[in-house]
């Protein structure tokens, strides 16, 4: 049986501009994994924020530049 969770606090929506290439990758990963894009986005944002909090912004930006 599917359970629905209704939070007392509504989730916030905000516009996000991404390149066509990143959008294509985002769509492909969502389709391949069957994970909704909203869930992938929340996971990615949470992971990035956690990395910044733990390692500092300079370290995280250096890692991103290496990609």
N, C-alpha and C. Protein backbone atom coordinates (compact mmCIF):
# COMPACT_ATOMS: atom_id res chain seq x y z
N UNK A 1 0.83 -1.17 0.00
CA UNK A 1 0.00 0.00 0.00
C UNK A 1 0.89 1.25 0.00
N UNK A 2 0.59 2.20 -0.84
CA UNK A 2 1.33 3.45 -0.93
C UNK A 2 0.91 4.37 0.20
N UNK A 3 1.90 4.94 0.89
CA UNK A 3 1.61 5.90 1.94
C UNK A 3 2.00 7.29 1.46
N UNK A 4 1.16 8.24 1.75
CA UNK A 4 1.44 9.62 1.39
C UNK A 4 1.88 10.36 2.64
N UNK A 5 2.94 11.15 2.50
CA UNK A 5 3.41 11.96 3.61
C UNK A 5 3.09 13.41 3.30
N UNK A 6 2.34 14.03 4.16
CA UNK A 6 1.99 15.43 3.98
C UNK A 6 2.73 16.21 5.05
N UNK A 7 3.62 17.06 4.61
CA UNK A 7 4.41 17.87 5.51
C UNK A 7 3.63 19.11 5.92
N UNK A 8 3.84 19.54 7.16
CA UNK A 8 3.21 20.77 7.61
C UNK A 8 3.83 21.97 6.91
N UNK A 9 5.07 21.82 6.47
CA UNK A 9 5.77 22.89 5.77
C UNK A 9 5.82 22.55 4.28
N UNK A 10 5.26 23.41 3.44
CA UNK A 10 5.30 23.12 2.01
C UNK A 10 6.73 23.22 1.47
N UNK A 11 7.00 22.45 0.44
CA UNK A 11 8.31 22.52 -0.19
C UNK A 11 8.37 23.76 -1.07
N UNK A 12 9.54 24.33 -1.17
CA UNK A 12 9.74 25.57 -1.92
C UNK A 12 10.16 25.24 -3.34
N UNK A 13 9.60 25.95 -4.30
CA UNK A 13 10.00 25.82 -5.69
C UNK A 13 10.76 27.07 -6.10
N UNK A 14 11.78 26.89 -6.94
CA UNK A 14 12.49 28.04 -7.48
C UNK A 14 12.99 27.70 -8.88
N UNK A 15 13.05 28.69 -9.74
CA UNK A 15 13.53 28.44 -11.11
C UNK A 15 15.04 28.19 -11.10
N UNK A 16 15.46 27.33 -11.96
CA UNK A 16 16.88 27.01 -12.07
C UNK A 16 17.24 26.97 -13.54
N UNK A 17 18.19 27.79 -13.94
CA UNK A 17 18.62 27.81 -15.34
C UNK A 17 19.86 26.93 -15.49
N UNK A 18 19.77 25.99 -16.42
CA UNK A 18 20.90 25.11 -16.70
C UNK A 18 21.11 25.05 -18.21
N UNK A 19 22.30 24.67 -18.60
CA UNK A 19 22.62 24.58 -20.02
C UNK A 19 21.85 23.42 -20.67
N UNK A 20 21.76 23.46 -21.98
CA UNK A 20 21.10 22.37 -22.71
C UNK A 20 21.81 21.04 -22.46
N UNK A 21 23.14 21.08 -22.41
CA UNK A 21 23.91 19.86 -22.18
C UNK A 21 23.61 19.27 -20.80
N UNK A 22 23.60 20.13 -19.79
CA UNK A 22 23.31 19.64 -18.44
C UNK A 22 21.87 19.14 -18.35
N UNK A 23 20.95 19.82 -19.00
CA UNK A 23 19.56 19.37 -19.02
C UNK A 23 19.43 18.00 -19.66
N UNK A 24 20.15 17.77 -20.75
CA UNK A 24 20.11 16.47 -21.41
C UNK A 24 20.65 15.39 -20.49
N UNK A 25 21.77 15.66 -19.83
CA UNK A 25 22.35 14.69 -18.90
C UNK A 25 21.40 14.41 -17.74
N UNK A 26 20.78 15.48 -17.23
CA UNK A 26 19.82 15.38 -16.13
C UNK A 26 18.64 14.49 -16.53
N UNK A 27 18.09 14.72 -17.72
CA UNK A 27 16.98 13.91 -18.22
C UNK A 27 17.38 12.45 -18.40
N UNK A 28 18.58 12.23 -18.95
CA UNK A 28 19.05 10.86 -19.19
C UNK A 28 19.22 10.10 -17.88
N UNK A 29 19.82 10.75 -16.88
CA UNK A 29 20.03 10.08 -15.59
C UNK A 29 18.69 9.81 -14.93
N UNK A 30 17.78 10.76 -14.99
CA UNK A 30 16.46 10.57 -14.41
C UNK A 30 15.73 9.40 -15.08
N UNK A 31 15.79 9.33 -16.40
CA UNK A 31 15.14 8.23 -17.13
C UNK A 31 15.80 6.90 -16.82
N UNK A 32 17.13 6.87 -16.84
CA UNK A 32 17.87 5.63 -16.62
C UNK A 32 17.66 5.08 -15.22
N UNK A 33 17.68 5.96 -14.21
CA UNK A 33 17.57 5.52 -12.82
C UNK A 33 16.14 5.43 -12.32
N UNK A 34 15.21 6.02 -13.09
CA UNK A 34 13.81 6.09 -12.67
C UNK A 34 13.64 6.93 -11.40
N UNK A 35 14.57 7.85 -11.18
CA UNK A 35 14.49 8.76 -10.04
C UNK A 35 13.97 10.09 -10.57
N UNK A 36 12.91 10.63 -9.98
CA UNK A 36 12.38 11.90 -10.45
C UNK A 36 13.43 13.01 -10.38
N UNK A 37 13.35 13.93 -11.34
CA UNK A 37 14.32 15.02 -11.39
C UNK A 37 14.30 15.86 -10.12
N UNK A 38 13.14 16.04 -9.53
CA UNK A 38 13.09 16.82 -8.29
C UNK A 38 13.88 16.15 -7.18
N UNK A 39 13.83 14.82 -7.12
CA UNK A 39 14.60 14.08 -6.12
C UNK A 39 16.09 14.17 -6.42
N UNK A 40 16.47 13.99 -7.68
CA UNK A 40 17.88 14.12 -8.05
C UNK A 40 18.40 15.52 -7.73
N UNK A 41 17.61 16.52 -8.01
CA UNK A 41 18.02 17.90 -7.73
C UNK A 41 18.22 18.13 -6.24
N UNK A 42 17.28 17.64 -5.42
CA UNK A 42 17.43 17.79 -3.97
C UNK A 42 18.67 17.07 -3.47
N UNK A 43 18.91 15.86 -3.97
CA UNK A 43 20.11 15.11 -3.56
C UNK A 43 21.38 15.85 -3.95
N UNK A 44 21.42 16.38 -5.17
CA UNK A 44 22.61 17.09 -5.65
C UNK A 44 22.87 18.35 -4.84
N UNK A 45 21.82 19.12 -4.59
CA UNK A 45 21.98 20.36 -3.82
C UNK A 45 22.41 20.05 -2.39
N UNK A 46 21.78 19.05 -1.79
CA UNK A 46 22.14 18.67 -0.42
C UNK A 46 23.59 18.20 -0.34
N UNK A 47 24.01 17.41 -1.32
CA UNK A 47 25.39 16.91 -1.34
C UNK A 47 26.39 18.06 -1.48
N UNK A 48 26.11 18.99 -2.38
CA UNK A 48 27.01 20.12 -2.58
C UNK A 48 27.09 20.98 -1.33
N UNK A 49 25.96 21.29 -0.73
CA UNK A 49 25.96 22.10 0.49
C UNK A 49 26.72 21.40 1.62
N UNK A 50 26.51 20.10 1.78
CA UNK A 50 27.22 19.34 2.81
C UNK A 50 28.72 19.37 2.56
N UNK A 51 29.13 19.20 1.30
CA UNK A 51 30.55 19.26 0.97
C UNK A 51 31.15 20.62 1.29
N UNK A 52 30.42 21.68 1.00
CA UNK A 52 30.90 23.04 1.30
C UNK A 52 31.03 23.22 2.81
N UNK A 53 30.03 22.76 3.56
CA UNK A 53 30.06 22.89 5.02
C UNK A 53 31.22 22.10 5.63
N UNK A 54 31.50 20.92 5.08
CA UNK A 54 32.54 20.06 5.64
C UNK A 54 33.95 20.44 5.18
N UNK A 55 34.09 20.81 3.91
CA UNK A 55 35.41 20.99 3.31
C UNK A 55 35.76 22.43 2.99
N UNK A 56 34.79 23.31 3.01
CA UNK A 56 35.03 24.71 2.66
C UNK A 56 34.81 24.94 1.17
N UNK A 57 34.45 26.16 0.86
CA UNK A 57 34.10 26.50 -0.51
C UNK A 57 35.29 26.39 -1.46
N UNK A 58 36.48 26.78 -1.01
CA UNK A 58 37.66 26.74 -1.89
C UNK A 58 37.96 25.30 -2.31
N UNK A 59 37.90 24.38 -1.36
CA UNK A 59 38.16 22.97 -1.67
C UNK A 59 37.14 22.42 -2.65
N UNK A 60 35.87 22.74 -2.43
CA UNK A 60 34.81 22.24 -3.30
C UNK A 60 34.94 22.83 -4.69
N UNK A 61 35.21 24.12 -4.79
CA UNK A 61 35.36 24.74 -6.11
C UNK A 61 36.58 24.19 -6.84
N UNK A 62 37.66 23.89 -6.13
CA UNK A 62 38.82 23.25 -6.76
C UNK A 62 38.47 21.90 -7.32
N UNK A 63 37.65 21.12 -6.61
CA UNK A 63 37.21 19.81 -7.10
C UNK A 63 36.36 19.96 -8.34
N UNK A 64 35.48 20.93 -8.35
CA UNK A 64 34.60 21.16 -9.50
C UNK A 64 35.41 21.55 -10.72
N UNK A 65 36.43 22.38 -10.53
CA UNK A 65 37.26 22.82 -11.65
C UNK A 65 38.05 21.66 -12.25
N UNK A 66 38.35 20.64 -11.45
CA UNK A 66 39.10 19.48 -11.94
C UNK A 66 38.25 18.59 -12.84
N UNK A 67 36.92 18.72 -12.74
CA UNK A 67 36.04 17.89 -13.56
C UNK A 67 36.13 18.41 -14.95
